[in-house]
């Protein structure tokens, strides 16, 4: 099995968390226990926020990686 990139690992973690959030949302919608309204609302907000945060992470990771590669190229050019 090949090594997974940090983006792939983050995506897999996001998928697992979304599945857990969907399950928690379903449970809070079906069973009326104390505080179910807050849990249901929190799960819905997290369902929207989690993919957005993952997208932001991937964008930041790509930019940092690009800057590191550029810095390495500049260092190699200066050595020559």
PDB file of N, CA and C in Angstrom:
ATOM      1  N   UNK A   1       0.843  -1.181   0.000  1.00  0.00           N
ATOM      2  CA  UNK A   1       0.000   0.000   0.000  1.00  0.00           C
ATOM      3  C   UNK A   1       0.887   1.242   0.000  1.00  0.00           C
ATOM      4  N   UNK A   2       0.601   2.160  -0.894  1.00  0.00           N
ATOM      5  CA  UNK A   2       1.441   3.343  -0.983  1.00  0.00           C
ATOM      6  C   UNK A   2       1.130   4.314   0.153  1.00  0.00           C
ATOM      7  N   UNK A   3       2.097   5.174   0.436  1.00  0.00           N
ATOM      8  CA  UNK A   3       1.903   6.166   1.490  1.00  0.00           C
ATOM      9  C   UNK A   3       0.853   7.176   1.068  1.00  0.00           C
ATOM     10  N   UNK A   4       0.061   7.581   2.025  1.00  0.00           N
ATOM     11  CA  UNK A   4      -0.986   8.561   1.752  1.00  0.00           C
ATOM     12  C   UNK A   4      -0.444   9.953   2.023  1.00  0.00           C
ATOM     13  N   UNK A   5      -0.869  10.901   1.209  1.00  0.00           N
ATOM     14  CA  UNK A   5      -0.441  12.280   1.394  1.00  0.00           C
ATOM     15  C   UNK A   5      -1.227  12.891   2.557  1.00  0.00           C
ATOM     16  N   UNK A   6      -0.726  13.975   3.128  1.00  0.00           N
ATOM     17  CA  UNK A   6      -1.464  14.634   4.210  1.00  0.00           C
ATOM     18  C   UNK A   6      -2.871  15.070   3.791  1.00  0.00           C
ATOM     19  N   UNK A   7      -3.040  15.448   2.525  1.00  0.00           N
ATOM     20  CA  UNK A   7      -4.374  15.830   2.050  1.00  0.00           C
ATOM     21  C   UNK A   7      -5.322  14.634   2.072  1.00  0.00           C
ATOM     22  N   UNK A   8      -4.818  13.464   1.674  1.00  0.00           N
ATOM     23  CA  UNK A   8      -5.657  12.269   1.673  1.00  0.00           C
ATOM     24  C   UNK A   8      -6.018  11.858   3.092  1.00  0.00           C
ATOM     25  N   UNK A   9      -5.068  11.959   4.001  1.00  0.00           N
ATOM     26  CA  UNK A   9      -5.322  11.615   5.397  1.00  0.00           C
ATOM     27  C   UNK A   9      -6.370  12.559   5.979  1.00  0.00           C
ATOM     28  N   UNK A  10      -6.238  13.861   5.708  1.00  0.00           N
ATOM     29  CA  UNK A  10      -7.210  14.834   6.204  1.00  0.00           C
ATOM     30  C   UNK A  10      -8.597  14.551   5.630  1.00  0.00           C
ATOM     31  N   UNK A  11      -8.666  14.180   4.356  1.00  0.00           N
ATOM     32  CA  UNK A  11      -9.955  13.871   3.730  1.00  0.00           C
ATOM     33  C   UNK A  11     -10.587  12.634   4.365  1.00  0.00           C
ATOM     34  N   UNK A  12      -9.796  11.619   4.640  1.00  0.00           N
ATOM     35  CA  UNK A  12     -10.328  10.413   5.281  1.00  0.00           C
ATOM     36  C   UNK A  12     -10.831  10.708   6.689  1.00  0.00           C
ATOM     37  N   UNK A  13     -10.104  11.529   7.427  1.00  0.00           N
ATOM     38  CA  UNK A  13     -10.543  11.916   8.769  1.00  0.00           C
ATOM     39  C   UNK A  13     -11.843  12.705   8.683  1.00  0.00           C
ATOM     40  N   UNK A  14     -11.931  13.597   7.705  1.00  0.00           N
ATOM     41  CA  UNK A  14     -13.146  14.389   7.504  1.00  0.00           C
ATOM     42  C   UNK A  14     -14.336  13.491   7.177  1.00  0.00           C
ATOM     43  N   UNK A  15     -14.131  12.505   6.345  1.00  0.00           N
ATOM     44  CA  UNK A  15     -15.209  11.581   5.994  1.00  0.00           C
ATOM     45  C   UNK A  15     -15.686  10.827   7.229  1.00  0.00           C
ATOM     46  N   UNK A  16     -14.743  10.338   8.031  1.00  0.00           N
ATOM     47  CA  UNK A  16     -15.112   9.613   9.252  1.00  0.00           C
ATOM     48  C   UNK A  16     -15.879  10.518  10.210  1.00  0.00           C
ATOM     49  N   UNK A  17     -15.422  11.758  10.369  1.00  0.00           N
ATOM     50  CA  UNK A  17     -16.116  12.689  11.260  1.00  0.00           C
ATOM     51  C   UNK A  17     -17.510  13.023  10.737  1.00  0.00           C
ATOM     52  N   UNK A  18     -17.654  13.176   9.419  1.00  0.00           N
ATOM     53  CA  UNK A  18     -18.969  13.452   8.854  1.00  0.00           C
ATOM     54  C   UNK A  18     -19.929  12.286   9.078  1.00  0.00           C
ATOM     55  N   UNK A  19     -19.447  11.078   8.939  1.00  0.00           N
ATOM     56  CA  UNK A  19     -20.295   9.910   9.192  1.00  0.00           C
ATOM     57  C   UNK A  19     -20.752   9.914  10.650  1.00  0.00           C
ATOM     58  N   UNK A  20     -19.831  10.193  11.572  1.00  0.00           N
ATOM     59  CA  UNK A  20     -20.197  10.257  12.984  1.00  0.00           C
ATOM     60  C   UNK A  20     -21.184  11.396  13.253  1.00  0.00           C
ATOM     61  N   UNK A  21     -20.985  12.526  12.588  1.00  0.00           N
ATOM     62  CA  UNK A  21     -21.918  13.644  12.755  1.00  0.00           C
ATOM     63  C   UNK A  21     -23.306  13.283  12.232  1.00  0.00           C
ATOM     64  N   UNK A  22     -23.385  12.616  11.095  1.00  0.00           N
ATOM     65  CA  UNK A  22     -24.682  12.208  10.554  1.00  0.00           C
ATOM     66  C   UNK A  22     -25.375  11.244  11.507  1.00  0.00           C
ATOM     67  N   UNK A  23     -24.609  10.334  12.081  1.00  0.00           N
ATOM     68  CA  UNK A  23     -25.171   9.390  13.036  1.00  0.00           C
ATOM     69  C   UNK A  23     -25.665  10.116  14.285  1.00  0.00           C
ATOM     70  N   UNK A  24     -24.869  11.046  14.797  1.00  0.00           N
ATOM     71  CA  UNK A  24     -25.277  11.818  15.980  1.00  0.00           C
ATOM     72  C   UNK A  24     -26.501  12.674  15.672  1.00  0.00           C
ATOM     73  N   UNK A  25     -26.563  13.245  14.463  1.00  0.00           N
ATOM     74  CA  UNK A  25     -27.728  14.046  14.068  1.00  0.00           C
ATOM     75  C   UNK A  25     -28.976  13.173  14.013  1.00  0.00           C
ATOM     76  N   UNK A  26     -28.843  11.998  13.449  1.00  0.00           N
ATOM     77  CA  UNK A  26     -29.976  11.074  13.371  1.00  0.00           C
ATOM     78  C   UNK A  26     -30.449  10.673  14.766  1.00  0.00           C
ATOM     79  N   UNK A  27     -29.511  10.333  15.629  1.00  0.00           N
ATOM     80  CA  UNK A  27     -29.860   9.926  16.988  1.00  0.00           C
ATOM     81  C   UNK A  27     -30.549  11.067  17.737  1.00  0.00           C
ATOM     82  N   UNK A  28     -30.010  12.283  17.602  1.00  0.00           N
ATOM     83  CA  UNK A  28     -30.611  13.410  18.318  1.00  0.00           C
ATOM     84  C   UNK A  28     -31.984  13.774  17.736  1.00  0.00           C
ATOM     85  N   UNK A  29     -32.206  13.494  16.460  1.00  0.00           N
ATOM     86  CA  UNK A  29     -33.504  13.778  15.858  1.00  0.00           C
ATOM     87  C   UNK A  29     -34.550  12.736  16.236  1.00  0.00           C
ATOM     88  N   UNK A  30     -34.131  11.499  16.403  1.00  0.00           N
ATOM     89  CA  UNK A  30     -35.070  10.415  16.685  1.00  0.00           C
ATOM     90  C   UNK A  30     -35.425  10.347  18.164  1.00  0.00           C
ATOM     91  N   UNK A  31     -34.422  10.450  19.030  1.00  0.00           N
ATOM     92  CA  UNK A  31     -34.648  10.312  20.461  1.00  0.00           C
ATOM     93  C   UNK A  31     -34.707  11.685  21.119  1.00  0.00           C
ATOM     94  N   UNK A  32     -35.744  11.882  21.908  1.00  0.00           N
ATOM     95  CA  UNK A  32     -35.896  13.159  22.612  1.00  0.00           C
ATOM     96  C   UNK A  32     -35.288  13.012  24.009  1.00  0.00           C
ATOM     97  N   UNK A  33     -34.061  13.463  24.145  1.00  0.00           N
ATOM     98  CA  UNK A  33     -33.406  13.455  25.453  1.00  0.00           C
ATOM     99  C   UNK A  33     -33.053  14.897  25.810  1.00  0.00           C
ATOM    100  N   UNK A  34     -32.750  15.156  27.066  1.00  0.00           N
ATOM    101  CA  UNK A  34     -32.453  16.543  27.453  1.00  0.00           C
ATOM    102  C   UNK A  34     -31.279  17.106  26.654  1.00  0.00           C
ATOM    103  N   UNK A  35     -31.497  18.268  26.073  1.00  0.00           N
ATOM    104  CA  UNK A  35     -30.449  18.927  25.313  1.00  0.00           C
ATOM    105  C   UNK A  35     -30.336  18.470  23.867  1.00  0.00           C
ATOM    106  N   UNK A  36     -31.308  17.748  23.373  1.00  0.00           N
ATOM    107  CA  UNK A  36     -31.215  17.221  21.999  1.00  0.00           C
ATOM    108  C   UNK A  36     -31.238  18.333  20.963  1.00  0.00           C
ATOM    109  N   UNK A  37     -31.926  19.464  21.295  1.00  0.00           N
ATOM    110  CA  UNK A  37     -31.998  20.561  20.331  1.00  0.00           C
ATOM    111  C   UNK A  37     -30.614  21.146  20.067  1.00  0.00           C
ATOM    112  N   UNK A  38     -29.844  21.338  21.136  1.00  0.00           N
ATOM    113  CA  UNK A  38     -28.499  21.898  20.994  1.00  0.00           C
ATOM    114  C   UNK A  38     -27.578  20.930  20.248  1.00  0.00           C
ATOM    115  N   UNK A  39     -27.703  19.643  20.560  1.00  0.00           N
ATOM    116  CA  UNK A  39     -26.865  18.647  19.883  1.00  0.00           C
ATOM    117  C   UNK A  39     -27.214  18.590  18.394  1.00  0.00           C
ATOM    118  N   UNK A  40     -28.501  18.614  18.076  1.00  0.00           N
ATOM    119  CA  UNK A  40     -28.937  18.577  16.682  1.00  0.00           C
ATOM    120  C   UNK A  40     -28.415  19.801  15.930  1.00  0.00           C
ATOM    121  N   UNK A  41     -28.569  20.973  16.516  1.00  0.00           N
ATOM    122  CA  UNK A  41     -28.088  22.199  15.882  1.00  0.00           C
ATOM    123  C   UNK A  41     -26.575  22.198  15.720  1.00  0.00           C
ATOM    124  N   UNK A  42     -25.864  21.748  16.746  1.00  0.00           N
ATOM    125  CA  UNK A  42     -24.403  21.677  16.670  1.00  0.00           C
ATOM    126  C   UNK A  42     -23.925  20.724  15.589  1.00  0.00           C
ATOM    127  N   UNK A  43     -24.603  19.602  15.454  1.00  0.00           N
ATOM    128  CA  UNK A  43     -24.246  18.631  14.411  1.00  0.00           C
ATOM    129  C   UNK A  43     -24.485  19.208  13.021  1.00  0.00           C
ATOM    130  N   UNK A  44     -25.568  19.938  12.862  1.00  0.00           N
ATOM    131  CA  UNK A  44     -25.844  20.534  11.553  1.00  0.00           C
ATOM    132  C   UNK A  44     -24.806  21.596  11.207  1.00  0.00           C
ATOM    133  N   UNK A  45     -24.442  22.416  12.183  1.00  0.00           N
ATOM    134  CA  UNK A  45     -23.417  23.438  11.940  1.00  0.00           C
ATOM    135  C   UNK A  45     -22.082  22.781  11.619  1.00  0.00           C
ATOM    136  N   UNK A  46     -21.722  21.755  12.376  1.00  0.00           N
ATOM    137  CA  UNK A  46     -20.454  21.060  12.141  1.00  0.00           C
ATOM    138  C   UNK A  46     -20.437  20.358  10.788  1.00  0.00           C
ATOM    139  N   UNK A  47     -21.591  19.881  10.340  1.00  0.00           N
ATOM    140  CA  UNK A  47     -21.677  19.224   9.034  1.00  0.00           C
ATOM    141  C   UNK A  47     -21.338  20.207   7.910  1.00  0.00           C
ATOM    142  N   UNK A  48     -21.686  21.458   8.099  1.00  0.00           N
ATOM    143  CA  UNK A  48     -21.360  22.475   7.104  1.00  0.00           C
ATOM    144  C   UNK A  48     -19.930  22.975   7.293  1.00  0.00           C
ATOM    145  N   UNK A  49     -19.521  23.184   8.543  1.00  0.00           N
ATOM    146  CA  UNK A  49     -18.219  23.788   8.832  1.00  0.00           C
ATOM    147  C   UNK A  49     -17.051  22.842   8.556  1.00  0.00           C
ATOM    148  N   UNK A  50     -17.208  21.577   8.805  1.00  0.00           N
ATOM    149  CA  UNK A  50     -16.099  20.629   8.658  1.00  0.00           C
ATOM    150  C   UNK A  50     -15.540  20.572   7.232  1.00  0.00           C
ATOM    151  N   UNK A  51     -16.349  20.420   6.200  1.00  0.00           N
ATOM    152  CA  UNK A  51     -15.788  20.437   4.839  1.00  0.00           C
ATOM    153  C   UNK A  51     -15.147  21.776   4.477  1.00  0.00           C
ATOM    154  N   UNK A  52     -15.716  22.869   4.974  1.00  0.00           N
ATOM    155  CA  UNK A  52     -15.126  24.178   4.709  1.00  0.00           C
ATOM    156  C   UNK A  52     -13.745  24.272   5.354  1.00  0.00           C
ATOM    157  N   UNK A  53     -13.636  23.825   6.599  1.00  0.00           N
ATOM    158  CA  UNK A  53     -12.340  23.843   7.281  1.00  0.00           C
ATOM    159  C   UNK A  53     -11.331  22.929   6.585  1.00  0.00           C
ATOM    160  N   UNK A  54     -11.788  21.792   6.087  1.00  0.00           N
ATOM    161  CA  UNK A  54     -10.893  20.892   5.349  1.00  0.00           C
ATOM    162  C   UNK A  54     -10.390  21.576   4.081  1.00  0.00           C
ATOM    163  N   UNK A  55     -11.282  22.263   3.358  1.00  0.00           N
ATOM    164  CA  UNK A  55     -10.883  22.965   2.154  1.00  0.00           C
ATOM    165  C   UNK A  55      -9.844  24.035   2.478  1.00  0.00           C
ATOM    166  N   UNK A  56     -10.057  24.779   3.564  1.00  0.00           N
ATOM    167  CA  UNK A  56      -9.094  25.804   3.985  1.00  0.00           C
ATOM    168  C   UNK A  56      -7.750  25.158   4.309  1.00  0.00           C
ATOM    169  N   UNK A  57      -7.770  24.028   5.033  1.00  0.00           N
ATOM    170  CA  UNK A  57      -6.530  23.324   5.372  1.00  0.00           C
ATOM    171  C   UNK A  57      -5.784  22.911   4.107  1.00  0.00           C
ATOM    172  N   UNK A  58      -6.499  22.365   3.146  1.00  0.00           N
ATOM    173  CA  UNK A  58      -5.856  21.906   1.914  1.00  0.00           C
ATOM    174  C   UNK A  58      -5.244  23.078   1.154  1.00  0.00           C
ATOM    175  N   UNK A  59      -5.942  24.203   1.111  1.00  0.00           N
ATOM    176  CA  UNK A  59      -5.413  25.387   0.429  1.00  0.00           C
ATOM    177  C   UNK A  59      -4.148  25.905   1.117  1.00  0.00           C
ATOM    178  N   UNK A  60      -4.175  25.968   2.436  1.00  0.00           N
ATOM    179  CA  UNK A  60      -2.997  26.435   3.187  1.00  0.00           C
ATOM    180  C   UNK A  60      -1.843  25.466   3.003  1.00  0.00           C
ATOM    181  N   UNK A  61      -2.125  24.169   3.065  1.00  0.00           N
ATOM    182  CA  UNK A  61      -1.085  23.159   2.886  1.00  0.00           C
ATOM    183  C   UNK A  61      -0.428  23.290   1.509  1.00  0.00           C
ATOM    184  N   UNK A  62      -1.244  23.491   0.485  1.00  0.00           N
ATOM    185  CA  UNK A  62      -0.703  23.609  -0.872  1.00  0.00           C
ATOM    186  C   UNK A  62       0.193  24.837  -0.996  1.00  0.00           C
ATOM    187  N   UNK A  63      -0.215  25.942  -0.404  1.00  0.00           N
ATOM    188  CA  UNK A  63       0.596  27.156  -0.480  1.00  0.00           C
ATOM    189  C   UNK A  63       1.899  27.022   0.293  1.00  0.00           C
ATOM    190  N   UNK A  64       1.845  26.419   1.467  1.00  0.00           N
ATOM    191  CA  UNK A  64       3.065  26.228   2.264  1.00  0.00           C
ATOM    192  C   UNK A  64       4.017  25.296   1.533  1.00  0.00           C
ATOM    193  N   UNK A  65       3.486  24.228   0.976  1.00  0.00           N
ATOM    194  CA  UNK A  65       4.316  23.279   0.230  1.00  0.00           C
ATOM    195  C   UNK A  65       4.959  23.960  -0.979  1.00  0.00           C
ATOM    196  N   UNK A  66       4.174  24.781  -1.678  1.00  0.00           N
ATOM    197  CA  UNK A  66       4.682  25.502  -2.844  1.00  0.00           C
ATOM    198  C   UNK A  66       5.796  26.472  -2.440  1.00  0.00           C
ATOM    199  N   UNK A  67       5.623  27.156  -1.316  1.00  0.00           N
ATOM    200  CA  UNK A  67       6.644  28.097  -0.845  1.00  0.00           C
ATOM    201  C   UNK A  67       7.921  27.368  -0.441  1.00  0.00           C
ATOM    202  N   UNK A  68       7.787  26.193   0.191  1.00  0.00           N
ATOM    203  CA  UNK A  68       8.963  25.416   0.568  1.00  0.00           C
ATOM    204  C   UNK A  68       9.734  24.964  -0.665  1.00  0.00           C
ATOM    205  N   UNK A  69       9.002  24.508  -1.674  1.00  0.00           N
ATOM    206  CA  UNK A  69       9.664  24.066  -2.902  1.00  0.00           C
ATOM    207  C   UNK A  69      10.368  25.229  -3.583  1.00  0.00           C
ATOM    208  N   UNK A  70       9.751  26.389  -3.587  1.00  0.00           N
ATOM    209  CA  UNK A  70      10.356  27.575  -4.173  1.00  0.00           C
ATOM    210  C   UNK A  70      11.606  27.984  -3.405  1.00  0.00           C
ATOM    211  N   UNK A  71      11.537  27.914  -2.075  1.00  0.00           N
ATOM    212  CA  UNK A  71      12.697  28.252  -1.249  1.00  0.00           C
ATOM    213  C   UNK A  71      13.834  27.268  -1.498  1.00  0.00           C
ATOM    214  N   UNK A  72      13.529  26.001  -1.640  1.00  0.00           N
ATOM    215  CA  UNK A  72      14.558  25.000  -1.925  1.00  0.00           C
ATOM    216  C   UNK A  72      15.209  25.244  -3.277  1.00  0.00           C
ATOM    217  N   UNK A  73      14.404  25.615  -4.269  1.00  0.00           N
ATOM    218  CA  UNK A  73      14.950  25.921  -5.590  1.00  0.00           C
ATOM    219  C   UNK A  73      15.879  27.130  -5.523  1.00  0.00           C
ATOM    220  N   UNK A  74      15.493  28.149  -4.766  1.00  0.00           N
ATOM    221  CA  UNK A  74      16.334  29.335  -4.628  1.00  0.00           C
ATOM    222  C   UNK A  74      17.647  29.000  -3.933  1.00  0.00           C
ATOM    223  N   UNK A  75      17.597  28.138  -2.919  1.00  0.00           N
ATOM    224  CA  UNK A  75      18.822  27.744  -2.224  1.00  0.00           C
ATOM    225  C   UNK A  75      19.759  26.998  -3.168  1.00  0.00           C
ATOM    226  N   UNK A  76      19.181  26.114  -3.982  1.00  0.00           N
ATOM    227  CA  UNK A  76      20.014  25.357  -4.933  1.00  0.00           C
ATOM    228  C   UNK A  76      20.614  26.281  -5.981  1.00  0.00           C
ATOM    229  N   UNK A  77      19.853  27.270  -6.423  1.00  0.00           N
ATOM    230  CA  UNK A  77      20.366  28.230  -7.415  1.00  0.00           C
ATOM    231  C   UNK A  77      21.487  29.078  -6.815  1.00  0.00           C
ATOM    232  N   UNK A  78      21.386  29.405  -5.563  1.00  0.00           N
ATOM    233  CA  UNK A  78      22.408  30.236  -4.931  1.00  0.00           C
ATOM    234  C   UNK A  78      23.702  29.448  -4.700  1.00  0.00           C
ATOM    235  N   UNK A  79      23.596  28.122  -4.536  1.00  0.00           N
ATOM    236  CA  UNK A  79      24.779  27.296  -4.345  1.00  0.00           C
ATOM    237  C   UNK A  79      25.591  27.196  -5.626  1.00  0.00           C
ATOM    238  N   UNK A  80      24.935  27.303  -6.746  1.00  0.00           N
ATOM    239  CA  UNK A  80      25.633  27.140  -8.033  1.00  0.00           C
ATOM    240  C   UNK A  80      26.430  28.331  -8.406  1.00  0.00           C
TER     241      UNK A  80
END
